[in-house]
Amino acid sequence: MHTALQIPTAELVKSACEKFDRENELSELALVELFRQYPHNGELTHILLKVVAVNSLYRTNIFALEAVARHIHSNVPDVDALLAAGAPEVVNTIARISIGGKKFNFFSFATKYCSWHNPRAYPIYDSRVDDYLWTLQKQSHFAGFLHADLWDYPKFLNIVTGFREFYGLGSFSFKELDKFLYLQCEPPCSTEEEMPRPDMGAFDFFPAEEMRS
């Protein structure tokens, strides 16, 4: 990284939210309407519609859409109750799936799927958010965490909550912080090249050890 990151402020968050909303208004409105129409996960067809929409509009590049929808429908007990309660562990449960005998971790997708059901409880993870938070951590040490902690959702939730508190951003929702964090790495904060591997979603990057856990 060549230049230091700006210290996050309320003004910067507000500006980022305005920019994000201008650039993504139609996609966001479409997802609002879809999740309002199908808020629950009891019907497989409704789940598939939501999986397809999140995958397409957020470009999470999941290749096995029906398998992911069936996984949510059949392998995530009490998913609606967990989402309504904001239970962080449901993200990891949705993310980790076996397809054709291989294990996959669609972590970024799972955070987005949960967020659209309960945006007050679930901040979104993706590679941009990871890059920004880890770069900021190395620069400012705003919380005590290791890089790998960003890839476990209960820990990720604590990190984002700590970020909000450390920088005095308590008046902002997770949804607003999502917009800010996403835009901070445009262009990327670091110069490390992100290479997708066959054991993860294209927007989910983890060390090899993650998939063995």
C-alpha atoms as a PDB file:
ATOM      1  CA  MET A   1       0.000   0.000   0.000  1.00  0.00           C
ATOM      2  CA  HIS A   2       1.388   3.387  -0.974  1.00  0.00           C
ATOM      3  CA  THR A   3      -0.675   5.846   1.076  1.00  0.00           C
ATOM      4  CA  ALA A   4      -2.246   5.707   4.519  1.00  0.00           C
ATOM      5  CA  LEU A   5      -5.986   5.227   4.767  1.00  0.00           C
ATOM      6  CA  GLN A   6      -8.092   8.145   5.919  1.00  0.00           C
ATOM      7  CA  ILE A   7      -9.416   7.906   9.450  1.00  0.00           C
ATOM      8  CA  PRO A   8     -13.109   6.915   9.170  1.00  0.00           C
ATOM      9  CA  THR A   9     -15.463   9.759  10.081  1.00  0.00           C
ATOM     10  CA  ALA A  10     -19.208  10.335  10.027  1.00  0.00           C
ATOM     11  CA  GLU A  11     -18.789  12.668   7.065  1.00  0.00           C
ATOM     12  CA  LEU A  12     -16.928  10.034   5.064  1.00  0.00           C
ATOM     13  CA  VAL A  13     -19.565   7.396   5.843  1.00  0.00           C
ATOM     14  CA  LYS A  14     -22.393   9.715   4.791  1.00  0.00           C
ATOM     15  CA  SER A  15     -20.616  10.588   1.554  1.00  0.00           C
ATOM     16  CA  ALA A  16     -19.982   6.920   0.763  1.00  0.00           C
ATOM     17  CA  CYS A  17     -23.627   6.025   1.402  1.00  0.00           C
ATOM     18  CA  GLU A  18     -24.793   8.742  -0.978  1.00  0.00           C
ATOM     19  CA  LYS A  19     -22.374   7.544  -3.673  1.00  0.00           C
ATOM     20  CA  PHE A  20     -23.346   3.891  -3.213  1.00  0.00           C
ATOM     21  CA  ASP A  21     -27.061   4.712  -3.376  1.00  0.00           C
ATOM     22  CA  ARG A  22     -26.629   6.731  -6.574  1.00  0.00           C
ATOM     23  CA  GLU A  23     -24.722   3.948  -8.284  1.00  0.00           C
ATOM     24  CA  ASN A  24     -26.780   0.974  -7.091  1.00  0.00           C
ATOM     25  CA  GLU A  25     -30.314   2.306  -6.670  1.00  0.00           C
ATOM     26  CA  LEU A  26     -32.100  -0.085  -9.030  1.00  0.00           C
ATOM     27  CA  SER A  27     -30.358  -3.224  -7.780  1.00  0.00           C
ATOM     28  CA  GLU A  28     -30.997  -2.329  -4.161  1.00  0.00           C
ATOM     29  CA  LEU A  29     -34.664  -1.570  -4.805  1.00  0.00           C
ATOM     30  CA  ALA A  30     -35.095  -4.876  -6.623  1.00  0.00           C
ATOM     31  CA  LEU A  31     -33.642  -6.813  -3.687  1.00  0.00           C
ATOM     32  CA  VAL A  32     -35.740  -4.869  -1.187  1.00  0.00           C
ATOM     33  CA  GLU A  33     -38.863  -5.818  -3.140  1.00  0.00           C
ATOM     34  CA  LEU A  34     -37.866  -9.478  -3.505  1.00  0.00           C
ATOM     35  CA  PHE A  35     -37.038 -10.015   0.165  1.00  0.00           C
ATOM     36  CA  ARG A  36     -40.181  -8.142   1.198  1.00  0.00           C
ATOM     37  CA  GLN A  37     -42.260 -10.463  -0.962  1.00  0.00           C
ATOM     38  CA  TYR A  38     -40.477 -13.629   0.199  1.00  0.00           C
ATOM     39  CA  PRO A  39     -39.197 -12.970   3.742  1.00  0.00           C
ATOM     40  CA  HIS A  40     -39.153 -16.630   4.831  1.00  0.00           C
ATOM     41  CA  ASN A  41     -37.274 -19.742   3.767  1.00  0.00           C
ATOM     42  CA  GLY A  42     -39.886 -22.468   3.926  1.00  0.00           C
ATOM     43  CA  GLU A  43     -40.449 -22.737   0.172  1.00  0.00           C
ATOM     44  CA  LEU A  44     -37.559 -23.995  -1.938  1.00  0.00           C
ATOM     45  CA  THR A  45     -38.619 -21.957  -4.982  1.00  0.00           C
ATOM     46  CA  HIS A  46     -38.583 -18.747  -2.946  1.00  0.00           C
ATOM     47  CA  ILE A  47     -35.118 -19.551  -1.623  1.00  0.00           C
ATOM     48  CA  LEU A  48     -33.853 -20.201  -5.132  1.00  0.00           C
ATOM     49  CA  LEU A  49     -35.198 -16.866  -6.368  1.00  0.00           C
ATOM     50  CA  LYS A  50     -33.344 -15.078  -3.558  1.00  0.00           C
ATOM     51  CA  VAL A  51     -30.136 -17.053  -4.095  1.00  0.00           C
ATOM     52  CA  VAL A  52     -30.188 -16.251  -7.822  1.00  0.00           C
ATOM     53  CA  ALA A  53     -30.843 -12.554  -7.189  1.00  0.00           C
ATOM     54  CA  VAL A  54     -28.125 -12.111  -4.564  1.00  0.00           C
ATOM     55  CA  ASN A  55     -25.645 -14.108  -6.645  1.00  0.00           C
ATOM     56  CA  SER A  56     -26.360 -12.075  -9.767  1.00  0.00           C
ATOM     57  CA  LEU A  57     -26.643  -8.560  -8.344  1.00  0.00           C
ATOM     58  CA  TYR A  58     -23.729  -8.958  -5.925  1.00  0.00           C
ATOM     59  CA  ARG A  59     -21.634 -10.993  -8.394  1.00  0.00           C
ATOM     60  CA  THR A  60     -20.745 -13.700  -5.897  1.00  0.00           C
ATOM     61  CA  ASN A  61     -20.181 -16.173  -8.759  1.00  0.00           C
ATOM     62  CA  ILE A  62     -21.777 -19.208  -7.138  1.00  0.00           C
ATOM     63  CA  PHE A  63     -21.941 -21.931  -9.767  1.00  0.00           C
ATOM     64  CA  ALA A  64     -24.377 -24.354  -8.104  1.00  0.00           C
ATOM     65  CA  LEU A  65     -27.405 -22.210  -7.356  1.00  0.00           C
ATOM     66  CA  GLU A  66     -29.908 -25.037  -6.880  1.00  0.00           C
ATOM     67  CA  ALA A  67     -27.512 -26.887  -4.573  1.00  0.00           C
ATOM     68  CA  VAL A  68     -27.117 -23.799  -2.401  1.00  0.00           C
ATOM     69  CA  ALA A  69     -30.887 -23.261  -2.290  1.00  0.00           C
ATOM     70  CA  ARG A  70     -31.486 -26.898  -1.302  1.00  0.00           C
ATOM     71  CA  HIS A  71     -28.763 -26.640   1.333  1.00  0.00           C
ATOM     72  CA  ILE A  72     -30.478 -23.631   2.943  1.00  0.00           C
ATOM     73  CA  HIS A  73     -33.858 -25.350   2.743  1.00  0.00           C
ATOM     74  CA  SER A  74     -32.803 -28.746   4.110  1.00  0.00           C
ATOM     75  CA  ASN A  75     -29.573 -28.355   6.084  1.00  0.00           C
ATOM     76  CA  VAL A  76     -30.070 -25.162   8.084  1.00  0.00           C
ATOM     77  CA  PRO A  77     -32.503 -25.996  10.917  1.00  0.00           C
ATOM     78  CA  ASP A  78     -34.723 -23.156  12.139  1.00  0.00           C
ATOM     79  CA  VAL A  79     -33.187 -20.801   9.604  1.00  0.00           C
ATOM     80  CA  ASP A  80     -35.974 -18.211   9.817  1.00  0.00           C
ATOM     81  CA  ALA A  81     -35.894 -18.097  13.612  1.00  0.00           C
ATOM     82  CA  LEU A  82     -32.113 -17.782  13.588  1.00  0.00           C
ATOM     83  CA  LEU A  83     -32.169 -14.994  11.018  1.00  0.00           C
ATOM     84  CA  ALA A  84     -34.872 -13.109  12.903  1.00  0.00           C
ATOM     85  CA  ALA A  85     -32.849 -13.396  16.110  1.00  0.00           C
ATOM     86  CA  GLY A  86     -29.673 -12.247  14.361  1.00  0.00           C
ATOM     87  CA  ALA A  87     -27.812 -15.414  15.341  1.00  0.00           C
ATOM     88  CA  PRO A  88     -24.292 -15.020  13.897  1.00  0.00           C
ATOM     89  CA  GLU A  89     -23.581 -18.745  13.634  1.00  0.00           C
ATOM     90  CA  VAL A  90     -26.199 -19.204  10.893  1.00  0.00           C
ATOM     91  CA  VAL A  91     -23.866 -17.484   8.416  1.00  0.00           C
ATOM     92  CA  ASN A  92     -21.203 -20.165   8.729  1.00  0.00           C
ATOM     93  CA  THR A  93     -23.875 -22.867   8.505  1.00  0.00           C
ATOM     94  CA  ILE A  94     -25.225 -21.458   5.249  1.00  0.00           C
ATOM     95  CA  ALA A  95     -21.756 -20.829   3.849  1.00  0.00           C
ATOM     96  CA  ARG A  96     -20.305 -24.311   4.305  1.00  0.00           C
ATOM     97  CA  ILE A  97     -21.674 -26.808   1.831  1.00  0.00           C
ATOM     98  CA  SER A  98     -20.625 -30.069   0.199  1.00  0.00           C
ATOM     99  CA  ILE A  99     -21.208 -30.408  -3.554  1.00  0.00           C
ATOM    100  CA  GLY A 100     -20.198 -33.536  -5.421  1.00  0.00           C
ATOM    101  CA  GLY A 101     -18.080 -34.710  -2.525  1.00  0.00           C
ATOM    102  CA  LYS A 102     -16.145 -31.436  -2.326  1.00  0.00           C
ATOM    103  CA  LYS A 103     -16.385 -28.865   0.453  1.00  0.00           C
ATOM    104  CA  PHE A 104     -17.065 -25.233  -0.406  1.00  0.00           C
ATOM    105  CA  ASN A 105     -17.258 -22.126   1.739  1.00  0.00           C
ATOM    106  CA  PHE A 106     -19.476 -19.468   0.155  1.00  0.00           C
ATOM    107  CA  PHE A 107     -18.848 -17.071   3.014  1.00  0.00           C
ATOM    108  CA  SER A 108     -19.338 -13.763   1.226  1.00  0.00           C
ATOM    109  CA  PHE A 109     -22.610 -14.960  -0.313  1.00  0.00           C
ATOM    110  CA  ALA A 110     -23.881 -16.198   3.046  1.00  0.00           C
ATOM    111  CA  THR A 111     -23.260 -12.844   4.735  1.00  0.00           C
ATOM    112  CA  LYS A 112     -25.171 -11.087   1.964  1.00  0.00           C
ATOM    113  CA  TYR A 113     -28.050 -13.559   2.052  1.00  0.00           C
ATOM    114  CA  CYS A 114     -28.392 -13.140   5.811  1.00  0.00           C
ATOM    115  CA  SER A 115     -28.013  -9.378   5.628  1.00  0.00           C
ATOM    116  CA  TRP A 116     -30.906  -9.064   3.224  1.00  0.00           C
ATOM    117  CA  HIS A 117     -33.094 -10.945   5.684  1.00  0.00           C
ATOM    118  CA  ASN A 118     -31.971  -8.913   8.701  1.00  0.00           C
ATOM    119  CA  PRO A 119     -29.702  -5.968   7.802  1.00  0.00           C
ATOM    120  CA  ARG A 120     -29.650  -4.695  11.384  1.00  0.00           C
ATOM    121  CA  ALA A 121     -27.903  -7.850  12.575  1.00  0.00           C
ATOM    122  CA  TYR A 122     -25.612  -8.953   9.744  1.00  0.00           C
ATOM    123  CA  PRO A 123     -22.818  -6.797   8.303  1.00  0.00           C
ATOM    124  CA  ILE A 124     -21.589  -7.963   4.904  1.00  0.00           C
ATOM    125  CA  TYR A 125     -18.210  -9.517   4.171  1.00  0.00           C
ATOM    126  CA  ASP A 126     -16.464  -9.505   0.828  1.00  0.00           C
ATOM    127  CA  SER A 127     -12.892  -9.183  -0.393  1.00  0.00           C
ATOM    128  CA  ARG A 128     -13.030  -5.379  -0.446  1.00  0.00           C
ATOM    129  CA  VAL A 129     -14.242  -5.235   3.149  1.00  0.00           C
ATOM    130  CA  ASP A 130     -11.573  -7.729   4.165  1.00  0.00           C
ATOM    131  CA  ASP A 131      -8.839  -5.753   2.437  1.00  0.00           C
ATOM    132  CA  TYR A 132      -9.910  -2.471   4.000  1.00  0.00           C
ATOM    133  CA  LEU A 133     -10.380  -3.739   7.556  1.00  0.00           C
ATOM    134  CA  TRP A 134      -7.098  -5.646   7.573  1.00  0.00           C
ATOM    135  CA  THR A 135      -5.192  -2.718   6.059  1.00  0.00           C
ATOM    136  CA  LEU A 136      -6.756  -0.363   8.609  1.00  0.00           C
ATOM    137  CA  GLN A 137      -5.957  -2.791  11.427  1.00  0.00           C
ATOM    138  CA  LYS A 138      -2.295  -2.868  10.435  1.00  0.00           C
ATOM    139  CA  GLN A 139      -2.291   0.921  10.273  1.00  0.00           C
ATOM    140  CA  SER A 140      -4.305   1.831  13.380  1.00  0.00           C
ATOM    141  CA  HIS A 141      -4.759  -1.357  15.469  1.00  0.00           C
ATOM    142  CA  PHE A 142      -8.390  -0.455  16.124  1.00  0.00           C
ATOM    143  CA  ALA A 143      -9.163  -3.909  17.557  1.00  0.00           C
ATOM    144  CA  GLY A 144      -7.359  -7.036  18.681  1.00  0.00           C
ATOM    145  CA  PHE A 145      -7.799  -9.597  15.926  1.00  0.00           C
ATOM    146  CA  LEU A 146      -5.903 -11.743  13.454  1.00  0.00           C
ATOM    147  CA  HIS A 147      -6.519 -11.705   9.714  1.00  0.00           C
ATOM    148  CA  ALA A 148      -8.115 -15.169   9.822  1.00  0.00           C
ATOM    149  CA  ASP A 149     -10.706 -13.892  12.319  1.00  0.00           C
ATOM    150  CA  LEU A 150     -12.379 -12.033   9.447  1.00  0.00           C
ATOM    151  CA  TRP A 151     -13.356 -15.408   7.973  1.00  0.00           C
ATOM    152  CA  ASP A 152     -15.356 -16.642  10.963  1.00  0.00           C
ATOM    153  CA  TYR A 153     -18.665 -14.825  11.152  1.00  0.00           C
ATOM    154  CA  PRO A 154     -19.128 -14.383  14.926  1.00  0.00           C
ATOM    155  CA  LYS A 155     -15.597 -12.950  15.042  1.00  0.00           C
ATOM    156  CA  PHE A 156     -16.218 -10.839  11.945  1.00  0.00           C
ATOM    157  CA  LEU A 157     -19.347  -9.421  13.563  1.00  0.00           C
ATOM    158  CA  ASN A 158     -17.341  -8.473  16.648  1.00  0.00           C
ATOM    159  CA  ILE A 159     -14.677  -6.838  14.482  1.00  0.00           C
ATOM    160  CA  VAL A 160     -17.176  -4.671  12.591  1.00  0.00           C
ATOM    161  CA  THR A 161     -18.896  -3.771  15.861  1.00  0.00           C
ATOM    162  CA  GLY A 162     -15.511  -2.837  17.326  1.00  0.00           C
ATOM    163  CA  PHE A 163     -14.713  -0.775  14.231  1.00  0.00           C
ATOM    164  CA  ARG A 164     -17.959   1.144  14.643  1.00  0.00           C
ATOM    165  CA  GLU A 165     -17.302   1.838  18.310  1.00  0.00           C
ATOM    166  CA  PHE A 166     -13.600   2.701  17.959  1.00  0.00           C
ATOM    167  CA  TYR A 167     -14.231   5.373  15.334  1.00  0.00           C
ATOM    168  CA  GLY A 168     -17.354   6.821  16.938  1.00  0.00           C
ATOM    169  CA  LEU A 169     -19.725   5.643  14.209  1.00  0.00           C
ATOM    170  CA  GLY A 170     -22.434   4.304  16.514  1.00  0.00           C
ATOM    171  CA  SER A 171     -25.147   6.327  14.799  1.00  0.00           C
ATOM    172  CA  PHE A 172     -24.720   4.280  11.606  1.00  0.00           C
ATOM    173  CA  SER A 173     -26.407   0.957  10.887  1.00  0.00           C
ATOM    174  CA  PHE A 174     -24.534  -2.075   9.610  1.00  0.00           C
ATOM    175  CA  LYS A 175     -26.167  -1.470   6.223  1.00  0.00           C
ATOM    176  CA  GLU A 176     -24.678   2.025   6.078  1.00  0.00           C
ATOM    177  CA  LEU A 177     -21.288   0.746   7.175  1.00  0.00           C
ATOM    178  CA  ASP A 178     -21.512  -1.961   4.482  1.00  0.00           C
ATOM    179  CA  LYS A 179     -21.731   0.763   1.844  1.00  0.00           C
ATOM    180  CA  PHE A 180     -18.816   2.677   3.325  1.00  0.00           C
ATOM    181  CA  LEU A 181     -16.558  -0.358   3.731  1.00  0.00           C
ATOM    182  CA  TYR A 182     -17.307  -1.606   0.225  1.00  0.00           C
ATOM    183  CA  LEU A 183     -16.310   1.672  -1.404  1.00  0.00           C
ATOM    184  CA  GLN A 184     -13.089   2.147   0.529  1.00  0.00           C
ATOM    185  CA  CYS A 185     -11.186  -0.349  -1.616  1.00  0.00           C
ATOM    186  CA  GLU A 186     -12.061   1.085  -4.992  1.00  0.00           C
ATOM    187  CA  PRO A 187      -9.347   0.806  -6.280  1.00  0.00           C
ATOM    188  CA  PRO A 188      -8.034  -1.929  -3.951  1.00  0.00           C
ATOM    189  CA  CYS A 189      -6.332  -0.833  -0.743  1.00  0.00           C
ATOM    190  CA  SER A 190      -3.503  -3.317  -1.118  1.00  0.00           C
ATOM    191  CA  THR A 191      -1.499  -4.423  -4.116  1.00  0.00           C
ATOM    192  CA  GLU A 192      -1.771  -8.143  -3.373  1.00  0.00           C
ATOM    193  CA  GLU A 193      -3.422 -10.004  -6.246  1.00  0.00           C
ATOM    194  CA  GLU A 194      -6.488 -11.969  -5.282  1.00  0.00           C
ATOM    195  CA  MET A 195      -6.587 -15.343  -7.007  1.00  0.00           C
ATOM    196  CA  PRO A 196      -9.814 -17.356  -6.853  1.00  0.00           C
ATOM    197  CA  ARG A 197      -9.419 -21.074  -6.163  1.00  0.00           C
ATOM    198  CA  PRO A 198     -11.827 -23.936  -6.944  1.00  0.00           C
ATOM    199  CA  ASP A 199     -12.648 -24.520  -3.245  1.00  0.00           C
ATOM    200  CA  MET A 200     -14.351 -21.156  -2.703  1.00  0.00           C
ATOM    201  CA  GLY A 201     -16.675 -18.602  -4.219  1.00  0.00           C
ATOM    202  CA  ALA A 202     -14.889 -16.101  -6.450  1.00  0.00           C
ATOM    203  CA  PHE A 203     -15.559 -13.297  -3.967  1.00  0.00           C
ATOM    204  CA  ASP A 204     -14.600 -15.398  -0.924  1.00  0.00           C
ATOM    205  CA  PHE A 205     -10.907 -15.685  -0.244  1.00  0.00           C
ATOM    206  CA  PHE A 206      -9.557 -17.744   2.621  1.00  0.00           C
ATOM    207  CA  PRO A 207      -6.275 -19.412   3.470  1.00  0.00           C
ATOM    208  CA  ALA A 208      -6.124 -23.120   2.709  1.00  0.00           C
ATOM    209  CA  GLU A 209      -6.409 -23.934   6.425  1.00  0.00           C
ATOM    210  CA  GLU A 210      -9.897 -22.412   6.537  1.00  0.00           C
ATOM    211  CA  MET A 211     -11.363 -25.140   4.394  1.00  0.00           C
ATOM    212  CA  ARG A 212      -9.935 -27.891   6.623  1.00  0.00           C
ATOM    213  CA  SER A 213     -11.632 -26.551   9.742  1.00  0.00           C
END
